Protein backbone atom coordinates (compact mmCIF):
# COMPACT_ATOMS: atom_id res chain seq x y z
CA MET A 1 58.06 -47.91 57.72
CA THR A 2 58.06 -50.52 54.94
CA THR A 3 56.29 -49.51 51.74
CA ILE A 4 54.06 -52.27 50.38
CA ASN A 5 54.21 -52.86 46.65
CA PRO A 6 50.69 -52.46 45.19
CA LYS A 7 50.99 -55.98 43.75
CA SER A 8 51.21 -57.33 47.31
CA GLU A 9 48.29 -55.50 48.91
CA ARG A 10 46.13 -58.67 48.79
CA HIS A 11 48.93 -61.14 49.48
CA PRO A 12 48.95 -62.04 53.20
CA CYS A 13 52.48 -63.47 53.11
CA PHE A 14 54.01 -60.36 51.58
CA ASN A 15 51.78 -57.87 53.42
CA LYS A 16 51.15 -58.46 57.14
CA ASP A 17 48.23 -56.04 57.14
CA ALA A 18 46.38 -58.31 54.67
CA LYS A 19 46.56 -61.50 56.73
CA GLY A 20 43.30 -60.90 58.55
CA SER A 21 41.30 -60.12 55.42
CA TYR A 22 42.80 -62.18 52.62
CA GLY A 23 43.63 -65.87 52.51
CA ARG A 24 45.69 -68.26 50.43
CA VAL A 25 45.38 -71.77 49.12
CA HIS A 26 48.33 -74.02 48.35
CA LEU A 27 47.63 -76.56 45.62
CA PRO A 28 49.70 -79.74 46.11
CA VAL A 29 50.41 -80.59 42.47
CA ALA A 30 54.22 -80.95 42.74
CA PRO A 31 55.25 -84.17 44.54
CA ARG A 32 58.79 -84.55 43.13
CA CYS A 33 61.86 -82.68 44.37
CA ASN A 34 65.24 -82.11 42.74
CA ILE A 35 67.35 -81.55 45.85
CA GLN A 36 67.64 -83.27 49.22
CA CYS A 37 67.91 -80.92 52.19
CA ASN A 38 69.32 -82.40 55.35
CA PHE A 39 66.38 -81.06 57.37
CA CYS A 40 63.58 -82.23 55.08
CA ASN A 41 61.35 -85.28 55.22
CA ARG A 42 58.38 -84.94 52.88
CA ARG A 43 55.59 -86.97 54.40
CA TYR A 44 52.08 -87.05 52.98
CA ASP A 45 48.75 -87.54 54.76
CA CYS A 46 49.69 -86.11 58.12
CA VAL A 47 46.81 -83.81 59.10
CA ASN A 48 48.22 -83.01 62.53
CA GLU A 49 51.57 -81.74 61.28
CA SER A 50 51.92 -78.20 59.96
CA ARG A 51 55.12 -77.66 58.01
CA PRO A 52 56.26 -77.42 54.39
CA GLY A 53 56.39 -80.73 52.54
CA VAL A 54 53.26 -82.14 54.18
CA THR A 55 49.94 -82.69 52.40
CA SER A 56 46.93 -84.98 52.69
CA ALA A 57 46.87 -85.72 48.94
CA VAL A 58 48.42 -84.79 45.60
CA LEU A 59 46.31 -83.32 42.78
CA ALA A 60 46.57 -83.41 39.01
CA PRO A 61 46.06 -80.00 37.34
CA ALA A 62 42.45 -80.72 36.29
CA GLN A 63 41.69 -82.00 39.81
CA ALA A 64 43.25 -78.84 41.27
CA ALA A 65 40.85 -76.75 39.19
CA ARG A 66 37.89 -78.68 40.61
CA TYR A 67 39.26 -78.37 44.14
CA MET A 68 39.78 -74.63 43.69
CA ASP A 69 36.12 -74.16 42.76
CA ARG A 70 35.06 -75.89 45.97
CA VAL A 71 37.49 -73.90 48.10
CA LEU A 72 36.24 -70.57 46.74
CA GLU A 73 32.65 -71.57 47.45
CA LYS A 74 33.44 -72.11 51.13
CA GLU A 75 36.19 -69.51 51.59
CA PRO A 76 35.64 -66.49 49.31
CA ARG A 77 38.39 -64.53 51.08
CA ILE A 78 41.03 -66.48 49.16
CA SER A 79 43.10 -64.00 47.13
CA VAL A 80 46.24 -66.03 46.46
CA VAL A 81 46.88 -69.34 44.72
CA GLY A 82 50.27 -70.77 45.64
CA ILE A 83 52.18 -73.89 44.67
CA ALA A 84 54.69 -74.94 47.28
CA GLY A 85 55.10 -78.67 46.92
CA PRO A 86 55.04 -81.05 48.59
CA GLY A 87 58.22 -81.26 46.47
CA ASP A 88 59.48 -78.41 44.32
CA PRO A 89 57.19 -76.80 41.71
CA MET A 90 60.00 -76.62 39.16
CA ALA A 91 60.78 -80.31 39.54
CA ASN A 92 57.17 -80.68 38.34
CA GLN A 93 57.19 -78.01 35.66
CA GLU A 94 54.42 -79.37 33.44
CA GLU A 95 51.97 -79.88 36.29
CA THR A 96 52.79 -76.52 37.84
CA LEU A 97 52.43 -74.52 34.63
CA GLU A 98 49.27 -76.28 33.55
CA THR A 99 47.65 -75.68 36.94
CA ILE A 100 48.53 -71.99 36.91
CA ARG A 101 47.40 -71.51 33.31
CA ARG A 102 44.05 -73.17 33.98
CA LEU A 103 43.32 -71.17 37.10
CA HIS A 104 44.60 -67.84 35.80
CA GLU A 105 42.33 -68.20 32.79
CA LYS A 106 39.32 -68.94 35.00
CA HIS A 107 40.19 -66.65 37.93
CA PRO A 108 42.27 -63.76 36.55
CA ASP A 109 41.55 -61.67 39.65
CA LEU A 110 43.57 -64.01 41.89
CA LEU A 111 47.27 -63.57 42.64
CA PHE A 112 49.57 -66.46 41.71
CA CYS A 113 52.81 -67.37 43.43
CA LEU A 114 55.13 -70.30 43.93
CA SER A 115 57.89 -71.33 46.30
CA SER A 116 61.00 -73.02 44.92
CA ASN A 117 64.55 -73.97 45.79
CA GLY A 118 65.57 -72.16 42.59
CA LEU A 119 67.50 -74.96 40.90
CA ALA A 120 65.28 -75.16 37.81
CA LEU A 121 63.45 -71.86 38.18
CA GLU A 122 65.19 -69.52 35.74
CA GLU A 123 64.44 -71.59 32.63
CA LYS A 124 60.67 -71.28 33.19
CA LEU A 125 60.37 -67.74 34.53
CA ASP A 126 59.20 -66.27 31.22
CA GLU A 127 56.43 -68.86 30.99
CA LEU A 128 55.50 -68.39 34.64
CA ALA A 129 55.23 -64.62 34.18
CA ALA A 130 53.14 -65.08 31.04
CA ALA A 131 50.87 -67.49 32.93
CA GLY A 132 50.21 -64.87 35.62
CA VAL A 133 52.73 -65.53 38.40
CA SER A 134 53.59 -62.28 40.18
CA HIS A 135 55.23 -63.48 43.42
CA ILE A 136 58.15 -65.88 43.85
CA THR A 137 59.70 -67.28 47.01
CA VAL A 138 63.16 -68.85 46.78
CA THR A 139 64.67 -70.77 49.70
CA VAL A 140 68.31 -69.71 50.05
CA ASN A 141 70.15 -71.17 53.02
CA ALA A 142 73.69 -70.19 52.05
CA VAL A 143 75.57 -67.93 49.66
CA ASP A 144 78.83 -69.73 50.42
CA PRO A 145 79.13 -73.26 48.92
CA ALA A 146 81.30 -74.29 51.87
CA ILE A 147 78.24 -73.82 54.07
CA GLY A 148 75.76 -75.00 51.46
CA GLU A 149 77.43 -78.41 51.14
CA LYS A 150 76.64 -79.03 54.82
CA ILE A 151 72.94 -78.37 54.22
CA TYR A 152 72.22 -80.33 51.02
CA GLY A 153 72.62 -84.09 50.66
CA TRP A 154 72.43 -83.96 46.86
CA VAL A 155 71.30 -81.81 43.94
CA ARG A 156 69.85 -83.41 40.82
CA ASP A 157 70.04 -81.55 37.51
CA GLY A 158 68.22 -83.61 34.90
CA LYS A 159 69.59 -87.12 35.28
CA VAL A 160 72.88 -86.07 36.90
CA VAL A 161 73.20 -86.05 40.69
CA TYR A 162 75.77 -83.74 42.30
CA ARG A 163 76.93 -84.01 45.89
CA GLY A 164 79.05 -81.97 48.27
CA ARG A 165 80.66 -78.72 47.12
CA GLU A 166 79.80 -79.32 43.47
CA GLY A 167 76.10 -79.62 44.22
CA ALA A 168 76.09 -76.56 46.48
CA GLU A 169 77.88 -74.47 43.86
CA LEU A 170 75.44 -75.47 41.14
CA LEU A 171 72.41 -74.74 43.29
CA LEU A 172 73.72 -71.34 44.38
CA SER A 173 74.56 -70.23 40.85
CA ARG A 174 71.07 -71.21 39.65
CA GLN A 175 69.42 -69.45 42.57
CA LEU A 176 71.28 -66.18 41.98
CA SER A 177 70.50 -66.22 38.25
CA ALA A 178 66.82 -66.99 38.86
CA ILE A 179 66.40 -64.23 41.43
CA LYS A 180 68.08 -61.70 39.14
CA LYS A 181 65.82 -62.65 36.23
CA ALA A 182 62.66 -62.68 38.35
CA LYS A 183 63.36 -59.11 39.42
CA ALA A 184 64.08 -58.12 35.81
CA LEU A 185 60.62 -59.49 34.92
CA GLY A 186 59.02 -57.30 37.58
CA MET A 187 58.20 -60.10 40.01
CA ILE A 188 58.02 -59.63 43.77
CA VAL A 189 60.66 -61.89 45.34
CA LYS A 190 60.81 -63.20 48.89
CA ILE A 191 63.68 -65.26 50.29
CA ASN A 192 63.15 -67.98 52.87
CA THR A 193 66.21 -68.88 54.94
CA ILE A 194 66.21 -71.76 57.42
CA LEU A 195 68.21 -70.82 60.51
CA ILE A 196 70.34 -73.85 61.44
CA PRO A 197 72.40 -73.41 64.62
CA GLY A 198 76.06 -74.30 64.17
CA VAL A 199 75.67 -74.46 60.41
CA ASN A 200 74.51 -71.12 58.94
CA ASP A 201 73.54 -69.00 61.95
CA ALA A 202 76.61 -66.73 61.56
CA HIS A 203 76.03 -66.55 57.80
CA VAL A 204 72.43 -65.32 57.49
CA GLU A 205 73.41 -61.64 57.41
CA ASP A 206 75.67 -62.41 54.42
CA ILE A 207 72.64 -63.91 52.71
CA ALA A 208 70.66 -60.75 53.39
CA ILE A 209 73.42 -58.54 51.99
CA THR A 210 73.63 -60.61 48.80
CA MET A 211 69.87 -60.66 48.37
CA LYS A 212 69.65 -56.90 48.80
CA GLU A 213 72.18 -56.47 46.00
CA LEU A 214 69.89 -58.55 43.77
CA GLY A 215 66.88 -56.35 44.54
CA VAL A 216 64.97 -58.86 46.69
CA ASP A 217 61.85 -57.40 48.33
CA ILE A 218 61.64 -59.24 51.64
CA LEU A 219 63.44 -61.96 53.62
CA ASN A 220 61.98 -64.53 56.00
CA VAL A 221 64.15 -66.25 58.63
CA LEU A 222 62.63 -69.56 59.72
CA PRO A 223 64.04 -71.48 62.71
CA ILE A 224 64.76 -75.09 61.84
CA LYS A 225 62.23 -77.60 63.14
CA PRO A 226 64.26 -80.82 63.42
CA VAL A 227 62.44 -83.75 61.83
CA ALA A 228 63.17 -87.28 63.00
CA GLY A 229 64.89 -89.48 60.46
CA THR A 230 66.80 -86.66 58.76
CA PRO A 231 70.54 -85.84 59.09
CA PHE A 232 69.60 -82.74 61.10
CA GLY A 233 66.99 -84.59 63.15
CA ASP A 234 69.06 -84.42 66.35
CA LEU A 235 69.83 -80.68 66.18
CA GLU A 236 68.28 -78.32 68.69
CA GLU A 237 65.97 -75.54 67.57
CA PRO A 238 67.49 -72.05 67.67
CA SER A 239 66.99 -70.24 70.95
CA GLY A 240 64.75 -67.19 71.02
CA GLU A 241 67.78 -65.02 71.65
CA LEU A 242 69.64 -66.36 68.60
CA LEU A 243 66.58 -65.92 66.40
CA ARG A 244 66.12 -62.32 67.55
CA THR A 245 69.80 -61.54 66.98
CA VAL A 246 69.82 -62.97 63.48
CA ARG A 247 66.58 -61.27 62.50
CA ALA A 248 67.86 -57.93 63.78
CA ALA A 249 70.97 -58.33 61.61
CA VAL A 250 68.84 -59.12 58.55
CA GLU A 251 66.56 -56.15 59.14
CA LYS A 252 69.50 -53.78 58.69
CA HIS A 253 69.48 -54.73 55.03
CA LEU A 254 66.01 -55.92 54.00
CA PRO A 255 62.40 -55.85 55.20
CA LEU A 256 61.76 -58.89 57.38
CA MET A 257 58.74 -61.16 57.35
CA ARG A 258 57.74 -61.88 60.93
CA HIS A 259 54.31 -63.47 60.52
CA CYS A 260 55.16 -66.71 58.65
CA ARG A 261 53.09 -69.76 59.64
CA ARG A 262 55.33 -72.40 58.00
CA CYS A 263 52.43 -73.43 55.78
CA ARG A 264 51.71 -76.97 54.63
CA ALA A 265 51.71 -77.78 50.93
CA ASP A 266 47.89 -77.96 51.13
CA ALA A 267 47.31 -74.92 53.36
CA VAL A 268 44.00 -73.11 52.88
CA GLY A 269 42.35 -70.14 54.58
CA LEU A 270 43.65 -67.13 56.48
CA LEU A 271 47.19 -67.31 57.86
CA ASP A 272 45.87 -67.21 61.42
CA ASN A 273 43.00 -69.59 60.70
CA ASP A 274 44.30 -72.41 58.51
CA ARG A 275 41.52 -74.76 57.40
CA SER A 276 43.59 -77.51 55.76
CA GLY A 277 42.28 -80.09 58.23
CA GLU A 278 38.70 -79.09 57.47
CA PHE A 279 39.34 -79.33 53.69
CA SER A 280 41.32 -82.58 53.91
CA SER A 281 38.42 -84.83 52.92
CA CYS A 282 37.54 -82.53 50.02
CA LEU A 283 41.16 -82.57 48.86
CA LYS A 284 41.28 -86.36 48.97
CA GLU A 285 37.99 -86.64 47.11
CA CYS A 286 39.22 -84.34 44.34
CA SER A 287 42.51 -86.25 44.11
CA SER A 288 40.61 -89.42 43.19
CA MET A 289 38.30 -87.80 40.63
CA GLU A 290 38.24 -89.21 37.13
CA ILE A 291 38.61 -86.29 34.72
CA PRO A 292 37.22 -86.85 31.18
CA ARG A 293 39.94 -86.54 28.58
CA TYR A 294 38.51 -83.46 26.88
CA GLU A 295 37.75 -81.76 30.17
CA ALA A 296 41.34 -82.33 31.25
CA ARG A 297 42.55 -80.81 27.95
CA THR A 298 40.84 -77.48 27.43
CA HIS A 299 42.98 -75.85 24.71
CA VAL A 300 43.93 -76.30 21.06
CA ALA A 301 47.41 -75.64 19.63
CA VAL A 302 47.65 -74.03 16.16
CA ALA A 303 50.56 -73.66 13.74
CA SER A 304 49.94 -70.39 11.90
CA HIS A 305 52.08 -67.72 10.26
CA GLU A 306 49.75 -64.79 10.92
CA GLY A 307 47.07 -65.99 13.33
CA LEU A 308 44.25 -66.23 10.81
CA LEU A 309 44.91 -69.39 8.82
CA VAL A 310 46.23 -72.85 9.66
CA ASN A 311 49.13 -72.64 7.22
CA GLN A 312 52.39 -73.65 8.90
CA HIS A 313 54.31 -76.94 8.93
CA LEU A 314 54.79 -78.13 12.49
CA GLY A 315 58.51 -78.77 11.97
CA GLU A 316 59.07 -75.14 10.98
CA ALA A 317 56.92 -73.49 13.66
CA PRO A 318 59.08 -71.65 16.22
CA ALA A 319 55.98 -71.27 18.37
CA LEU A 320 52.40 -72.52 18.52
CA GLN A 321 49.36 -70.38 19.24
CA ILE A 322 47.24 -71.71 22.11
CA TRP A 323 43.51 -71.17 21.64
CA THR A 324 40.59 -71.84 23.96
CA GLU A 325 36.81 -71.66 23.91
CA LYS A 326 35.39 -68.61 25.66
CA ASP A 327 31.97 -66.93 25.85
CA GLY A 328 30.65 -68.86 22.89
CA GLY A 329 33.65 -67.99 20.73
CA PHE A 330 37.39 -68.59 20.63
CA GLU A 331 40.34 -66.68 22.05
CA MET A 332 44.10 -67.01 21.63
CA ILE A 333 45.55 -66.94 25.12
CA GLU A 334 49.29 -67.28 24.47
CA GLU A 335 52.10 -68.39 22.21
CA ARG A 336 54.33 -71.27 23.32
CA ALA A 337 57.79 -71.72 21.91
CA THR A 338 58.36 -75.16 20.42
CA PRO A 339 61.44 -77.22 21.37
CA ASP A 340 64.62 -76.48 19.43
CA ILE A 341 65.10 -78.21 16.08
CA GLY A 342 67.02 -81.48 16.29
CA GLY A 343 67.02 -84.34 18.72
CA GLY A 344 64.76 -86.64 16.74
CA PRO A 345 61.82 -88.12 18.67
CA LYS A 346 62.93 -86.38 21.88
CA ARG A 347 61.93 -83.05 20.32
CA TRP A 348 58.38 -84.29 19.82
CA GLU A 349 58.22 -85.91 23.24
CA ALA A 350 59.13 -82.52 24.70
CA LEU A 351 56.42 -80.87 22.61
CA ALA A 352 53.87 -83.46 23.73
CA ALA A 353 54.75 -82.58 27.33
CA GLN A 354 54.19 -78.89 26.55
CA LEU A 355 50.76 -79.65 25.09
CA LYS A 356 49.34 -81.69 27.96
CA ASP A 357 46.52 -79.15 28.31
CA CYS A 358 45.69 -79.28 24.57
CA ARG A 359 43.15 -81.68 23.12
CA ALA A 360 44.20 -81.07 19.51
CA LEU A 361 46.88 -79.63 17.23
CA LEU A 362 46.00 -77.91 13.95
CA CYS A 363 48.83 -77.59 11.42
CA ALA A 364 49.32 -77.50 7.67
CA ALA A 365 51.59 -80.55 7.67
CA LEU A 366 53.84 -82.65 9.86
CA GLY A 367 55.99 -85.76 9.70
CA ARG A 368 55.06 -89.28 10.72
CA THR A 369 57.18 -89.27 13.89
CA PRO A 370 55.67 -86.16 15.49
CA ARG A 371 52.18 -87.38 14.58
CA GLU A 372 52.76 -90.72 16.27
CA VAL A 373 54.30 -89.19 19.38
CA LEU A 374 51.60 -86.53 19.78
CA GLU A 375 48.67 -88.86 19.18
CA LYS A 376 50.11 -91.40 21.61
CA SER A 377 50.22 -88.65 24.24
CA GLY A 378 46.51 -87.87 23.72
CA VAL A 379 46.67 -84.93 21.28
CA THR A 380 44.37 -85.21 18.24
CA VAL A 381 46.43 -84.12 15.22
CA VAL A 382 44.56 -82.37 12.40
CA GLU A 383 46.54 -81.74 9.21
CA MET A 384 44.42 -79.10 7.47
CA SER A 385 44.24 -75.84 5.58
CA GLY A 386 41.73 -73.05 6.08
CA PHE A 387 40.69 -70.58 8.73
CA ILE A 388 41.71 -71.28 12.32
CA GLU A 389 38.14 -70.67 13.48
CA GLN A 390 36.86 -73.42 11.19
CA GLY A 391 39.20 -75.92 12.79
CA LEU A 392 38.34 -74.76 16.31
CA GLU A 393 34.63 -74.98 15.55
CA ALA A 394 35.05 -78.59 14.43
CA ILE A 395 37.15 -79.52 17.48
CA TYR A 396 34.96 -77.89 20.12
CA LYS A 397 31.52 -78.38 18.52
CA GLY A 398 32.06 -81.86 17.13
CA GLY A 399 32.12 -80.89 13.46
CA ASP A 400 33.32 -82.97 10.52
CA LEU A 401 37.11 -82.77 10.58
CA SER A 402 37.43 -84.71 7.34
CA LYS A 403 36.17 -81.71 5.39
CA LEU A 404 39.07 -79.63 6.65
CA MET A 405 41.87 -82.14 6.36
CA ASN A 406 44.39 -81.92 3.55
CA LYS A 407 43.48 -84.53 0.96
CA LYS A 408 47.03 -85.50 0.16
CA PRO A 409 49.43 -86.40 2.92
CA SER A 410 52.52 -84.22 2.90
CA ALA A 411 55.69 -85.73 1.48
CA CYS A 412 58.67 -85.50 3.78
CA GLY A 413 61.00 -82.73 2.69
CA ARG A 414 58.49 -81.17 0.27
CA ALA A 415 56.02 -79.42 2.56
CA CYS A 416 58.83 -78.08 4.74
CA GLY A 417 62.47 -77.09 4.56
CA GLY A 418 63.69 -80.42 5.87
CA SER A 419 66.16 -82.83 4.32
CA GLY A 420 63.61 -85.50 3.53
CA GLU A 421 65.14 -87.84 6.12
CA GLY A 422 62.20 -87.56 8.50
CA CYS A 423 61.31 -85.29 11.42
């Protein structure tokens, strides 16, 4: 008998006994993908098709928060918030993290999970764990690059595209590292493997053996559903006998998920009673909502040495405190590491991307370049000294910021340890 981890008691995908009582919602905030699988055709707005990669609309993080409120009103049995596409969540890191942070802050009782191909997962696992993610699914279709190169058309890492064996090797190495780290962080990890006759059907048990060595919790074998217009579109689905044989081999090594419903990227409801069609119009309505700037940016970033005063130069801050308004007061919810020193404007562009959920930045001083980049991205920059709470009060309550601002602009190289050549 399989022992269910207490973290999974309310997760219907990781605990079969929960699927009749607890539901899930998939928030389609991740349209881009960083690999091309030979069986995949991501097609939006297809309400009659139930498979990964399909959604009726794509949401921005603030729109997802609105949509989530409506879903919970109509379906209070939702216990899990998942992000599974329609592309890959980690090819849309900013949108994914912002969505999870928003919802975890508002609904801390919900479970949070995501499904990824693993290529860019490891680099964000610490942030995902801090944001509340407890369950991860990684799709692993091969642990031998010779087989993997038959499954993936290309793999894109940043701006570089890899094909063939090189792409398969890169993807596999990233997947193994991500799974190892996720388990080290205490996450529950499920593996999805697509069973492709003539390609990896004799290899799935090897996947299970490797995943067991990494401490994976459960494995899910999904028969390929050939999609027209893809390289594998003319393949036949695995026979029932082949599927049973492969699953029996996997079950010698790991617990097996047998109740998967191949959920859409906008799935909502119980596993056996998906209501994505019913919620389609609501999803589309939320996807077209205009979100006021300050409602879309709910937090304030602060550069502080000790967490009491705004007293740190932005260029020297290894991390920024993220504050939010709560119950009539203010609360620090996390610390976010700033991009590494160097790189010129690219460093500040990266920081601006990290602060997409922040309406303002409070710091003791900063250079002209970071100010220009941050303000262009929509972050109000306040160069001030004094108590953090004073700055937050002015930002959230509409106070007079001029009374807090430093009277003399900082001279480059004097207010920080820089060279004087500009940030």
